[in-house]
PDB file of N, CA and C in Angstrom:
ATOM      1  N   MET A   1       0.823  -1.024  -0.207  1.00  0.00           N
ATOM      2  CA  MET A   1       0.046   0.129  -0.022  1.00  0.00           C
ATOM      3  C   MET A   1       0.653   1.147   0.098  1.00  0.00           C
ATOM      4  N   PRO A   2       0.601   2.396  -0.838  1.00  0.00           N
ATOM      5  CA  PRO A   2       1.507   3.350  -0.842  1.00  0.00           C
ATOM      6  C   PRO A   2       1.378   4.282   0.240  1.00  0.00           C
ATOM      7  N   PHE A   3       2.217   4.699   1.048  1.00  0.00           N
ATOM      8  CA  PHE A   3       2.448   5.292   2.333  1.00  0.00           C
ATOM      9  C   PHE A   3       3.600   6.299   2.033  1.00  0.00           C
ATOM     10  N   SER A   4       2.974   7.800   1.753  1.00  0.00           N
ATOM     11  CA  SER A   4       3.760   9.140   2.226  1.00  0.00           C
ATOM     12  C   SER A   4       4.439   9.578   3.703  1.00  0.00           C
ATOM     13  N   ALA A   5       3.667   8.883   4.649  1.00  0.00           N
ATOM     14  CA  ALA A   5       4.302   9.035   5.691  1.00  0.00           C
ATOM     15  C   ALA A   5       5.383   8.923   6.321  1.00  0.00           C
ATOM     16  N   GLY A   6       6.717   9.655   6.536  1.00  0.00           N
ATOM     17  CA  GLY A   6       7.744   9.191   7.246  1.00  0.00           C
ATOM     18  C   GLY A   6       8.187   8.995   8.453  1.00  0.00           C
ATOM     19  N   ASN A   7       7.102   9.175   9.426  1.00  0.00           N
ATOM     20  CA  ASN A   7       7.181   9.794  10.774  1.00  0.00           C
ATOM     21  C   ASN A   7       6.022   9.834  11.533  1.00  0.00           C
ATOM     22  N   THR A   8       5.684   8.907  12.188  1.00  0.00           N
ATOM     23  CA  THR A   8       4.277   9.198  13.111  1.00  0.00           C
ATOM     24  C   THR A   8       3.799  10.959  12.971  1.00  0.00           C
ATOM     25  N   ALA A   9       5.027  11.392  13.113  1.00  0.00           N
ATOM     26  CA  ALA A   9       4.461  12.591  13.510  1.00  0.00           C
ATOM     27  C   ALA A   9       4.000  13.790  11.778  1.00  0.00           C
ATOM     28  N   ALA A  10       4.220  13.112  10.813  1.00  0.00           N
ATOM     29  CA  ALA A  10       3.821  13.544   9.812  1.00  0.00           C
ATOM     30  C   ALA A  10       2.245  12.482   9.644  1.00  0.00           C
ATOM     31  N   TYR A  11       1.629  11.703   9.819  1.00  0.00           N
ATOM     32  CA  TYR A  11       0.732  11.284   9.733  1.00  0.00           C
ATOM     33  C   TYR A  11       0.067  12.288   9.439  1.00  0.00           C
ATOM     34  N   GLY A  12      -0.549  13.003  10.358  1.00  0.00           N
ATOM     35  CA  GLY A  12      -2.220  14.015   9.772  1.00  0.00           C
ATOM     36  C   GLY A  12      -1.274  15.271   9.086  1.00  0.00           C
ATOM     37  N   ARG A  13      -0.296  15.214   8.346  1.00  0.00           N
ATOM     38  CA  ARG A  13      -0.345  16.698   7.332  1.00  0.00           C
ATOM     39  C   ARG A  13      -0.050  15.151   5.477  1.00  0.00           C
ATOM     40  N   THR A  14      -0.250  13.877   5.933  1.00  0.00           N
ATOM     41  CA  THR A  14      -0.103  13.092   4.520  1.00  0.00           C
ATOM     42  C   THR A  14      -1.560  12.840   4.206  1.00  0.00           C
ATOM     43  N   GLY A  15      -1.554  13.046   2.784  1.00  0.00           N
ATOM     44  CA  GLY A  15      -2.838  12.823   2.207  1.00  0.00           C
ATOM     45  C   GLY A  15      -3.273  11.196   1.956  1.00  0.00           C
ATOM     46  N   ASP A  16      -2.166  10.309   2.251  1.00  0.00           N
ATOM     47  CA  ASP A  16      -2.918   8.565   2.794  1.00  0.00           C
ATOM     48  C   ASP A  16      -3.830   8.562   3.446  1.00  0.00           C
ATOM     49  N   LEU A  17      -3.992   9.181   4.424  1.00  0.00           N
ATOM     50  CA  LEU A  17      -4.672   9.298   5.922  1.00  0.00           C
ATOM     51  C   LEU A  17      -5.413   9.991   6.072  1.00  0.00           C
ATOM     52  N   ARG A  18      -6.558   9.974   6.927  1.00  0.00           N
ATOM     53  CA  ARG A  18      -7.200  11.204   7.095  1.00  0.00           C
ATOM     54  C   ARG A  18      -7.662  10.632   8.971  1.00  0.00           C
ATOM     55  N   ALA A  19      -7.526  11.723   9.380  1.00  0.00           N
ATOM     56  CA  ALA A  19      -7.836  11.842  10.417  1.00  0.00           C
ATOM     57  C   ALA A  19      -9.442  11.463  11.123  1.00  0.00           C
ATOM     58  N   ILE A  20      -9.648  10.444  12.154  1.00  0.00           N
ATOM     59  CA  ILE A  20     -11.204  10.458  12.461  1.00  0.00           C
ATOM     60  C   ILE A  20     -11.217   9.981  14.014  1.00  0.00           C
ATOM     61  N   SER A  21     -12.229  10.028  14.622  1.00  0.00           N
ATOM     62  CA  SER A  21     -12.334  10.776  15.741  1.00  0.00           C
ATOM     63  C   SER A  21     -12.350   8.473  16.528  1.00  0.00           C
ATOM     64  N   SER A  22     -12.421   8.595  17.675  1.00  0.00           N
ATOM     65  CA  SER A  22     -12.118   7.138  18.373  1.00  0.00           C
ATOM     66  C   SER A  22     -13.474   6.440  17.957  1.00  0.00           C
ATOM     67  N   ALA A  23     -14.511   7.544  17.932  1.00  0.00           N
ATOM     68  CA  ALA A  23     -16.009   6.579  17.806  1.00  0.00           C
ATOM     69  C   ALA A  23     -16.049   6.015  16.402  1.00  0.00           C
ATOM     70  N   GLU A  24     -15.212   6.547  14.948  1.00  0.00           N
ATOM     71  CA  GLU A  24     -15.096   6.409  14.174  1.00  0.00           C
ATOM     72  C   GLU A  24     -14.414   5.199  13.748  1.00  0.00           C
ATOM     73  N   VAL A  25     -13.746   4.344  14.100  1.00  0.00           N
ATOM     74  CA  VAL A  25     -12.703   3.301  13.935  1.00  0.00           C
ATOM     75  C   VAL A  25     -13.681   1.799  13.815  1.00  0.00           C
ATOM     76  N   GLN A  26     -12.877   1.268  12.783  1.00  0.00           N
ATOM     77  CA  GLN A  26     -13.275   0.079  12.309  1.00  0.00           C
ATOM     78  C   GLN A  26     -11.895  -0.913  11.899  1.00  0.00           C
ATOM     79  N   PRO A  27     -11.968  -1.910  11.998  1.00  0.00           N
ATOM     80  CA  PRO A  27     -10.641  -2.837  11.394  1.00  0.00           C
ATOM     81  C   PRO A  27      -9.553  -2.219  10.812  1.00  0.00           C
ATOM     82  N   GLY A  28      -8.457  -2.327  10.804  1.00  0.00           N
ATOM     83  CA  GLY A  28      -7.190  -1.660  10.427  1.00  0.00           C
ATOM     84  C   GLY A  28      -7.502   0.272  10.094  1.00  0.00           C
ATOM     85  N   ASP A  29      -7.672   0.433  10.795  1.00  0.00           N
ATOM     86  CA  ASP A  29      -7.854   1.760  10.963  1.00  0.00           C
ATOM     87  C   ASP A  29      -6.001   1.801  12.156  1.00  0.00           C
ATOM     88  N   LEU A  30      -5.980   3.043  12.259  1.00  0.00           N
ATOM     89  CA  LEU A  30      -4.488   3.075  13.046  1.00  0.00           C
ATOM     90  C   LEU A  30      -4.944   4.176  14.220  1.00  0.00           C
ATOM     91  N   ARG A  31      -4.256   3.825  15.412  1.00  0.00           N
ATOM     92  CA  ARG A  31      -3.991   4.695  16.304  1.00  0.00           C
ATOM     93  C   ARG A  31      -3.104   5.013  16.593  1.00  0.00           C
ATOM     94  N   VAL A  32      -2.087   6.483  16.597  1.00  0.00           N
ATOM     95  CA  VAL A  32      -1.002   7.025  17.139  1.00  0.00           C
ATOM     96  C   VAL A  32      -1.170   7.276  18.658  1.00  0.00           C
ATOM     97  N   VAL A  33       0.008   6.516  19.604  1.00  0.00           N
ATOM     98  CA  VAL A  33      -0.160   7.141  21.242  1.00  0.00           C
ATOM     99  C   VAL A  33       0.600   7.930  21.083  1.00  0.00           C
ATOM    100  N   TYR A  34       0.980   9.132  21.090  1.00  0.00           N
ATOM    101  CA  TYR A  34       2.194  10.039  20.912  1.00  0.00           C
ATOM    102  C   TYR A  34       2.829  10.193  22.684  1.00  0.00           C
ATOM    103  N   ALA A  35       4.036   9.673  22.092  1.00  0.00           N
ATOM    104  CA  ALA A  35       5.131  10.377  23.517  1.00  0.00           C
ATOM    105  C   ALA A  35       4.886  11.558  24.048  1.00  0.00           C
ATOM    106  N   ALA A  36       5.118  12.299  24.928  1.00  0.00           N
ATOM    107  CA  ALA A  36       4.996  13.084  25.890  1.00  0.00           C
ATOM    108  C   ALA A  36       5.221  14.200  24.993  1.00  0.00           C
ATOM    109  N   ASP A  37       6.385  14.222  23.858  1.00  0.00           N
ATOM    110  CA  ASP A  37       6.925  15.583  23.609  1.00  0.00           C
ATOM    111  C   ASP A  37       5.536  15.611  22.047  1.00  0.00           C
ATOM    112  N   GLY A  38       4.877  14.785  21.426  1.00  0.00           N
ATOM    113  CA  GLY A  38       3.855  15.218  20.744  1.00  0.00           C
ATOM    114  C   GLY A  38       4.518  14.660  19.665  1.00  0.00           C
ATOM    115  N   GLU A  39       5.881  14.190  19.411  1.00  0.00           N
ATOM    116  CA  GLU A  39       6.969  14.358  17.938  1.00  0.00           C
ATOM    117  C   GLU A  39       5.999  13.177  17.592  1.00  0.00           C
ATOM    118  N   GLN A  40       6.701  12.037  17.653  1.00  0.00           N
ATOM    119  CA  GLN A  40       6.854  10.820  17.416  1.00  0.00           C
ATOM    120  C   GLN A  40       5.868   9.897  18.525  1.00  0.00           C
ATOM    121  N   GLY A  41       4.819   8.646  17.534  1.00  0.00           N
ATOM    122  CA  GLY A  41       4.318   7.893  18.608  1.00  0.00           C
ATOM    123  C   GLY A  41       4.236   6.271  18.497  1.00  0.00           C
ATOM    124  N   HIS A  42       4.013   5.548  18.866  1.00  0.00           N
ATOM    125  CA  HIS A  42       3.680   4.433  18.406  1.00  0.00           C
ATOM    126  C   HIS A  42       2.434   4.018  18.054  1.00  0.00           C
ATOM    127  N   VAL A  43       2.300   2.794  17.391  1.00  0.00           N
ATOM    128  CA  VAL A  43       1.340   2.673  16.519  1.00  0.00           C
ATOM    129  C   VAL A  43       0.752   1.350  16.590  1.00  0.00           C
ATOM    130  N   GLN A  44      -0.392   1.558  16.642  1.00  0.00           N
ATOM    131  CA  GLN A  44      -1.402   0.214  16.571  1.00  0.00           C
ATOM    132  C   GLN A  44      -2.611  -0.049  15.308  1.00  0.00           C
ATOM    133  N   MET A  45      -2.586  -1.225  15.449  1.00  0.00           N
ATOM    134  CA  MET A  45      -3.914  -0.958  14.232  1.00  0.00           C
ATOM    135  C   MET A  45      -5.033  -1.729  14.701  1.00  0.00           C
ATOM    136  N   ALA A  46      -6.012  -0.932  14.509  1.00  0.00           N
ATOM    137  CA  ALA A  46      -7.761  -1.682  15.115  1.00  0.00           C
ATOM    138  C   ALA A  46      -7.817  -2.961  14.149  1.00  0.00           C
ATOM    139  N   LEU A  47      -8.428  -4.381  15.212  1.00  0.00           N
ATOM    140  CA  LEU A  47      -8.310  -5.659  14.605  1.00  0.00           C
ATOM    141  C   LEU A  47     -10.083  -5.386  14.790  1.00  0.00           C
ATOM    142  N   GLY A  48     -10.949  -4.957  15.953  1.00  0.00           N
ATOM    143  CA  GLY A  48     -11.710  -4.663  16.170  1.00  0.00           C
ATOM    144  C   GLY A  48     -13.011  -5.505  17.388  1.00  0.00           C
ATOM    145  N   GLY A  49     -14.125  -4.787  18.006  1.00  0.00           N
ATOM    146  CA  GLY A  49     -13.753  -5.757  19.316  1.00  0.00           C
ATOM    147  C   GLY A  49     -13.355  -4.808  20.462  1.00  0.00           C
ATOM    148  N   GLY A  50     -12.394  -3.831  20.316  1.00  0.00           N
ATOM    149  CA  GLY A  50     -11.413  -3.472  21.337  1.00  0.00           C
ATOM    150  C   GLY A  50     -10.218  -3.770  21.141  1.00  0.00           C
ATOM    151  N   ALA A  51      -9.560  -4.721  20.265  1.00  0.00           N
ATOM    152  CA  ALA A  51      -8.333  -5.369  19.964  1.00  0.00           C
ATOM    153  C   ALA A  51      -7.435  -4.175  19.125  1.00  0.00           C
ATOM    154  N   TRP A  52      -6.498  -4.358  19.751  1.00  0.00           N
ATOM    155  CA  TRP A  52      -5.657  -3.174  19.072  1.00  0.00           C
ATOM    156  C   TRP A  52      -4.423  -4.544  18.719  1.00  0.00           C
ATOM    157  N   ILE A  53      -3.652  -4.692  17.252  1.00  0.00           N
ATOM    158  CA  ILE A  53      -2.061  -5.499  17.227  1.00  0.00           C
ATOM    159  C   ILE A  53      -1.279  -4.118  17.091  1.00  0.00           C
ATOM    160  N   GLU A  54      -0.131  -4.773  17.912  1.00  0.00           N
ATOM    161  CA  GLU A  54       1.148  -3.864  17.821  1.00  0.00           C
ATOM    162  C   GLU A  54       2.429  -4.277  18.354  1.00  0.00           C
ATOM    163  N   CYS A  55       3.478  -3.708  18.008  1.00  0.00           N
ATOM    164  CA  CYS A  55       5.186  -4.415  18.152  1.00  0.00           C
ATOM    165  C   CYS A  55       4.787  -4.133  19.825  1.00  0.00           C
ATOM    166  N   CYS A  56       5.073  -5.317  20.193  1.00  0.00           N
ATOM    167  CA  CYS A  56       5.834  -5.065  22.097  1.00  0.00           C
ATOM    168  C   CYS A  56       6.801  -5.181  22.353  1.00  0.00           C
ATOM    169  N   TYR A  57       7.979  -4.388  22.679  1.00  0.00           N
ATOM    170  CA  TYR A  57       9.319  -4.569  23.260  1.00  0.00           C
ATOM    171  C   TYR A  57       9.401  -5.426  24.095  1.00  0.00           C
ATOM    172  N   GLY A  58       9.750  -6.434  23.743  1.00  0.00           N
ATOM    173  CA  GLY A  58      10.839  -7.499  24.417  1.00  0.00           C
ATOM    174  C   GLY A  58       9.550  -9.069  23.658  1.00  0.00           C
ATOM    175  N   TYR A  59       8.176  -8.784  23.615  1.00  0.00           N
ATOM    176  CA  TYR A  59       7.353  -9.699  23.718  1.00  0.00           C
ATOM    177  C   TYR A  59       7.621 -10.268  22.087  1.00  0.00           C
ATOM    178  N   GLY A  60       7.789  -8.961  20.925  1.00  0.00           N
ATOM    179  CA  GLY A  60       7.198  -8.938  19.581  1.00  0.00           C
ATOM    180  C   GLY A  60       5.446  -8.910  19.280  1.00  0.00           C
ATOM    181  N   VAL A  61       4.928  -9.016  18.607  1.00  0.00           N
ATOM    182  CA  VAL A  61       3.758  -8.502  17.873  1.00  0.00           C
ATOM    183  C   VAL A  61       2.988  -9.095  19.226  1.00  0.00           C
ATOM    184  N   CYS A  62       1.887  -8.217  19.851  1.00  0.00           N
ATOM    185  CA  CYS A  62       0.521  -8.529  20.639  1.00  0.00           C
ATOM    186  C   CYS A  62      -0.302  -7.923  19.963  1.00  0.00           C
ATOM    187  N   VAL A  63      -1.392  -8.878  20.722  1.00  0.00           N
ATOM    188  CA  VAL A  63      -2.868  -8.349  20.385  1.00  0.00           C
ATOM    189  C   VAL A  63      -3.416  -7.417  22.005  1.00  0.00           C
ATOM    190  N   ASN A  64      -3.641  -6.654  22.079  1.00  0.00           N
ATOM    191  CA  ASN A  64      -4.020  -5.792  23.532  1.00  0.00           C
ATOM    192  C   ASN A  64      -5.688  -5.639  23.012  1.00  0.00           C
ATOM    193  N   MET A  65      -6.258  -5.471  24.298  1.00  0.00           N
ATOM    194  CA  MET A  65      -7.473  -4.535  24.388  1.00  0.00           C
ATOM    195  C   MET A  65      -7.027  -2.897  24.858  1.00  0.00           C
ATOM    196  N   SER A  66      -7.749  -2.555  24.217  1.00  0.00           N
ATOM    197  CA  SER A  66      -8.094  -1.049  24.344  1.00  0.00           C
ATOM    198  C   SER A  66      -7.753  -0.726  25.976  1.00  0.00           C
ATOM    199  N   ASN A  67      -7.594   0.025  26.607  1.00  0.00           N
ATOM    200  CA  ASN A  67      -7.864   0.365  28.227  1.00  0.00           C
ATOM    201  C   ASN A  67      -7.475   2.152  28.777  1.00  0.00           C
ATOM    202  N   ALA A  68      -8.008   2.527  29.541  1.00  0.00           N
ATOM    203  CA  ALA A  68      -8.083   3.737  29.689  1.00  0.00           C
ATOM    204  C   ALA A  68      -6.837   4.409  30.014  1.00  0.00           C
ATOM    205  N   TRP A  69      -5.347   3.593  30.431  1.00  0.00           N
ATOM    206  CA  TRP A  69      -4.341   4.070  30.530  1.00  0.00           C
ATOM    207  C   TRP A  69      -3.567   4.769  29.013  1.00  0.00           C
ATOM    208  N   MET A  70      -3.668   3.556  27.944  1.00  0.00           N
ATOM    209  CA  MET A  70      -3.473   3.924  26.965  1.00  0.00           C
ATOM    210  C   MET A  70      -4.058   4.931  26.325  1.00  0.00           C
ATOM    211  N   GLU A  71      -5.496   5.279  26.050  1.00  0.00           N
ATOM    212  CA  GLU A  71      -6.317   6.311  25.464  1.00  0.00           C
ATOM    213  C   GLU A  71      -5.929   7.177  26.491  1.00  0.00           C
ATOM    214  N   SER A  72      -5.245   7.150  27.685  1.00  0.00           N
ATOM    215  CA  SER A  72      -5.298   8.530  28.162  1.00  0.00           C
ATOM    216  C   SER A  72      -3.863   9.380  27.824  1.00  0.00           C
ATOM    217  N   ARG A  73      -3.048   8.462  27.217  1.00  0.00           N
ATOM    218  CA  ARG A  73      -1.775   8.871  26.718  1.00  0.00           C
ATOM    219  C   ARG A  73      -1.576  10.365  24.953  1.00  0.00           C
ATOM    220  N   GLY A  74      -2.872  10.527  24.689  1.00  0.00           N
ATOM    221  CA  GLY A  74      -2.830  11.703  23.914  1.00  0.00           C
ATOM    222  C   GLY A  74      -3.021  10.941  22.404  1.00  0.00           C
ATOM    223  N   CYS A  75      -4.437   9.436  22.560  1.00  0.00           N
ATOM    224  CA  CYS A  75      -4.156   9.104  21.005  1.00  0.00           C
ATOM    225  C   CYS A  75      -4.717   9.837  20.087  1.00  0.00           C
ATOM    226  N   HIS A  76      -4.470   9.482  18.595  1.00  0.00           N
ATOM    227  CA  HIS A  76      -4.938  10.182  17.386  1.00  0.00           C
ATOM    228  C   HIS A  76      -5.315   9.034  16.638  1.00  0.00           C
ATOM    229  N   TYR A  77      -6.371   9.393  15.899  1.00  0.00           N
ATOM    230  CA  TYR A  77      -6.759   7.930  14.990  1.00  0.00           C
ATOM    231  C   TYR A  77      -6.784   8.157  13.471  1.00  0.00           C
ATOM    232  N   PHE A  78      -6.540   7.264  12.706  1.00  0.00           N
ATOM    233  CA  PHE A  78      -6.392   7.912  11.570  1.00  0.00           C
ATOM    234  C   PHE A  78      -7.008   5.800  10.341  1.00  0.00           C
ATOM    235  N   THR A  79      -7.505   6.608   9.542  1.00  0.00           N
ATOM    236  CA  THR A  79      -8.444   5.756   8.207  1.00  0.00           C
ATOM    237  C   THR A  79      -7.440   6.178   7.314  1.00  0.00           C
ATOM    238  N   TYR A  80      -6.811   4.840   6.729  1.00  0.00           N
ATOM    239  CA  TYR A  80      -6.402   5.185   5.016  1.00  0.00           C
ATOM    240  C   TYR A  80      -7.214   5.811   3.843  1.00  0.00           C
ATOM    241  N   ALA A  81      -6.802   6.671   3.474  1.00  0.00           N
ATOM    242  CA  ALA A  81      -7.589   7.535   2.699  1.00  0.00           C
ATOM    243  C   ALA A  81      -7.779   6.909   0.764  1.00  0.00           C
ATOM    244  N   GLY A  82      -6.816   5.778   0.848  1.00  0.00           N
ATOM    245  CA  GLY A  82      -6.934   5.140  -0.459  1.00  0.00           C
ATOM    246  C   GLY A  82      -7.925   4.413  -0.665  1.00  0.00           C
ATOM    247  N   PHE A  83      -8.649   3.863  -0.194  1.00  0.00           N
ATOM    248  CA  PHE A  83      -9.668   2.810   0.353  1.00  0.00           C
ATOM    249  C   PHE A  83     -11.054   3.817  -0.444  1.00  0.00           C
TER     250      PHE A  83
END
């Protein structure tokens, strides 16, 4: 899939992705959990039913359920604009 963002800080400025609300998330959409400085973030992909797939340090690829701690970290949601 073509993707022009070089890093998560550019996700909101690329034509490939469109920002959405957390209520609009569908399987395949992305959630970026921004670091304290807001420049770069951790990317998760929605699987549906509140589950997210991500790379977990020390564990490889993990499936996690959404939780209040993660959502309190400054999350932004995106869908691929090419579909």
